[in-house]
Every structure is written in C-alpha cells, then in structure tokens.
Amino acid sequence: MVQFSEETKERITKVIDISRVAIHYGYLPLIMYLVNQDHNSSSSFHLSHKNNHGETGER
C-alpha cells in the first residue's frame, strides 16, 4: 500500500469534501437544467413546425 504524507492526506480529504458539497448542491439543479433543456428543445420543435391540420402554434 502507498504511504502518503500528512499534507497529501489533507489535500485528498479537502478535495473529497469539496466534491461532496459540489455534488450535494449541484445534482438537483443539473437534473432540472437537463430536463428544462429537453423540454425547451421539444417545445421549440412543436412551435416551429405545422401540425397535421396545417396550423402553427402551441399544443
């Protein structure tokens, strides 16, 4: 097993702690952003193309 110095252990611990906080507070906003992007792309498709009756507009 590799032996790390105390300074290296502290750095690894700090990186892990920062990563946990970033994942904790960033996960839900990321999911919401991705869902919103998917929703916006499908909405713009429906708004820009004619439906089966030849009309344009929102459903």
N, C-alpha and C. Protein backbone atom coordinates (compact mmCIF):
# COMPACT_ATOMS: atom_id res chain seq x y z
N MET A 1 0.84 -1.18 0.00
CA MET A 1 0.00 0.00 0.00
C MET A 1 0.89 1.24 0.00
N VAL A 2 0.43 2.28 -0.68
CA VAL A 2 1.21 3.51 -0.80
C VAL A 2 1.07 4.33 0.48
N GLN A 3 2.17 4.86 0.95
CA GLN A 3 2.16 5.72 2.13
C GLN A 3 2.16 7.17 1.67
N PHE A 4 1.17 7.93 2.14
CA PHE A 4 1.06 9.35 1.79
C PHE A 4 1.54 10.19 2.96
N SER A 5 2.05 11.36 2.64
CA SER A 5 2.44 12.29 3.70
C SER A 5 1.17 12.92 4.28
N GLU A 6 1.30 13.54 5.42
CA GLU A 6 0.15 14.19 6.06
C GLU A 6 -0.43 15.29 5.17
N GLU A 7 0.45 16.03 4.50
CA GLU A 7 -0.01 17.10 3.62
C GLU A 7 -0.84 16.54 2.47
N THR A 8 -0.40 15.44 1.89
CA THR A 8 -1.14 14.81 0.80
C THR A 8 -2.48 14.28 1.28
N LYS A 9 -2.51 13.69 2.45
CA LYS A 9 -3.77 13.20 3.02
C LYS A 9 -4.75 14.34 3.23
N GLU A 10 -4.25 15.48 3.73
CA GLU A 10 -5.11 16.65 3.94
C GLU A 10 -5.65 17.17 2.62
N ARG A 11 -4.82 17.21 1.60
CA ARG A 11 -5.27 17.68 0.28
C ARG A 11 -6.34 16.76 -0.29
N ILE A 12 -6.12 15.46 -0.18
CA ILE A 12 -7.10 14.49 -0.69
C ILE A 12 -8.42 14.64 0.07
N THR A 13 -8.33 14.79 1.38
CA THR A 13 -9.54 14.97 2.19
C THR A 13 -10.28 16.24 1.79
N LYS A 14 -9.54 17.31 1.56
CA LYS A 14 -10.17 18.58 1.18
C LYS A 14 -10.85 18.46 -0.19
N VAL A 15 -10.19 17.80 -1.14
CA VAL A 15 -10.78 17.61 -2.47
C VAL A 15 -12.05 16.78 -2.37
N ILE A 16 -12.03 15.73 -1.56
CA ILE A 16 -13.21 14.89 -1.39
C ILE A 16 -14.34 15.69 -0.75
N ASP A 17 -14.03 16.48 0.26
CA ASP A 17 -15.06 17.30 0.92
C ASP A 17 -15.68 18.31 -0.05
N ILE A 18 -14.84 18.97 -0.83
CA ILE A 18 -15.35 19.95 -1.80
C ILE A 18 -16.19 19.25 -2.86
N SER A 19 -15.77 18.07 -3.29
CA SER A 19 -16.53 17.31 -4.28
C SER A 19 -17.89 16.91 -3.73
N ARG A 20 -17.93 16.50 -2.47
CA ARG A 20 -19.21 16.13 -1.86
C ARG A 20 -20.17 17.31 -1.83
N VAL A 21 -19.67 18.48 -1.46
CA VAL A 21 -20.52 19.68 -1.41
C VAL A 21 -21.00 20.03 -2.82
N ALA A 22 -20.10 19.97 -3.80
CA ALA A 22 -20.48 20.30 -5.18
C ALA A 22 -21.54 19.34 -5.70
N ILE A 23 -21.38 18.06 -5.42
CA ILE A 23 -22.38 17.07 -5.85
C ILE A 23 -23.68 17.27 -5.10
N HIS A 24 -23.59 17.54 -3.80
CA HIS A 24 -24.79 17.71 -2.97
C HIS A 24 -25.64 18.88 -3.47
N TYR A 25 -25.02 20.02 -3.73
CA TYR A 25 -25.77 21.21 -4.14
C TYR A 25 -25.93 21.33 -5.65
N GLY A 26 -25.20 20.56 -6.43
CA GLY A 26 -25.26 20.68 -7.87
C GLY A 26 -26.08 19.63 -8.58
N TYR A 27 -26.39 18.54 -7.91
CA TYR A 27 -27.08 17.43 -8.56
C TYR A 27 -28.49 17.81 -9.01
N LEU A 28 -29.30 18.30 -8.11
CA LEU A 28 -30.68 18.63 -8.46
C LEU A 28 -30.75 19.77 -9.48
N PRO A 29 -30.00 20.86 -9.32
CA PRO A 29 -30.03 21.88 -10.37
C PRO A 29 -29.58 21.35 -11.73
N LEU A 30 -28.62 20.44 -11.76
CA LEU A 30 -28.18 19.85 -13.02
C LEU A 30 -29.31 19.06 -13.66
N ILE A 31 -30.00 18.25 -12.88
CA ILE A 31 -31.11 17.47 -13.41
C ILE A 31 -32.21 18.39 -13.92
N MET A 32 -32.54 19.43 -13.14
CA MET A 32 -33.56 20.38 -13.57
C MET A 32 -33.15 21.09 -14.86
N TYR A 33 -31.89 21.46 -14.97
CA TYR A 33 -31.38 22.11 -16.18
C TYR A 33 -31.51 21.18 -17.39
N LEU A 34 -31.11 19.92 -17.21
CA LEU A 34 -31.18 18.98 -18.32
C LEU A 34 -32.62 18.71 -18.75
N VAL A 35 -33.52 18.59 -17.80
CA VAL A 35 -34.94 18.39 -18.13
C VAL A 35 -35.48 19.61 -18.84
N ASN A 36 -35.10 20.80 -18.37
CA ASN A 36 -35.56 22.03 -18.99
C ASN A 36 -35.03 22.15 -20.41
N GLN A 37 -33.79 21.76 -20.64
CA GLN A 37 -33.23 21.81 -21.99
C GLN A 37 -33.99 20.85 -22.91
N ASP A 38 -34.31 19.67 -22.42
CA ASP A 38 -35.06 18.71 -23.20
C ASP A 38 -36.45 19.25 -23.49
N HIS A 39 -37.08 19.86 -22.50
CA HIS A 39 -38.42 20.42 -22.67
C HIS A 39 -38.40 21.57 -23.66
N ASN A 40 -37.41 22.45 -23.56
CA ASN A 40 -37.31 23.59 -24.47
C ASN A 40 -37.07 23.14 -25.89
N SER A 41 -36.26 22.14 -26.10
CA SER A 41 -35.99 21.69 -27.46
C SER A 41 -37.23 21.06 -28.08
N SER A 42 -38.00 20.31 -27.30
CA SER A 42 -39.21 19.71 -27.86
C SER A 42 -40.29 20.76 -28.06
N SER A 43 -40.36 21.79 -27.19
CA SER A 43 -41.34 22.85 -27.35
C SER A 43 -41.05 23.68 -28.59
N SER A 44 -39.79 24.00 -28.81
CA SER A 44 -39.44 24.79 -29.98
C SER A 44 -39.73 24.01 -31.26
N PHE A 45 -39.59 22.69 -31.20
CA PHE A 45 -39.92 21.87 -32.36
C PHE A 45 -41.41 22.00 -32.67
N HIS A 46 -42.25 21.91 -31.65
CA HIS A 46 -43.69 21.98 -31.86
C HIS A 46 -44.12 23.37 -32.31
N LEU A 47 -43.45 24.40 -31.83
CA LEU A 47 -43.83 25.75 -32.19
C LEU A 47 -43.39 26.10 -33.61
N SER A 48 -42.32 25.52 -34.09
CA SER A 48 -41.78 25.92 -35.38
C SER A 48 -42.29 25.07 -36.54
N HIS A 49 -42.98 23.99 -36.28
CA HIS A 49 -43.47 23.13 -37.34
C HIS A 49 -44.99 23.10 -37.33
N LYS A 50 -45.56 22.91 -38.49
CA LYS A 50 -47.01 22.84 -38.58
C LYS A 50 -47.50 21.49 -38.08
N ASN A 51 -48.67 21.51 -37.45
CA ASN A 51 -49.24 20.23 -37.02
C ASN A 51 -49.99 19.58 -38.18
N ASN A 52 -50.68 18.50 -37.94
CA ASN A 52 -51.34 17.74 -39.00
C ASN A 52 -52.45 18.53 -39.69
N HIS A 53 -52.98 19.55 -39.03
CA HIS A 53 -54.07 20.33 -39.60
C HIS A 53 -53.56 21.56 -40.34
N GLY A 54 -52.26 21.72 -40.44
CA GLY A 54 -51.70 22.85 -41.15
C GLY A 54 -51.63 24.12 -40.33
N GLU A 55 -51.89 24.03 -39.05
CA GLU A 55 -51.85 25.20 -38.19
C GLU A 55 -50.55 25.20 -37.42
N THR A 56 -50.11 26.41 -37.06
CA THR A 56 -48.93 26.50 -36.22
C THR A 56 -49.36 26.94 -34.84
N GLY A 57 -48.52 26.72 -33.86
CA GLY A 57 -48.84 27.17 -32.52
C GLY A 57 -48.59 26.10 -31.49
N GLU A 58 -48.86 26.49 -30.26
CA GLU A 58 -48.63 25.59 -29.15
C GLU A 58 -49.75 24.59 -29.04
N ARG A 59 -49.42 23.46 -28.50
CA ARG A 59 -50.44 22.43 -28.28
C ARG A 59 -51.24 22.73 -27.06
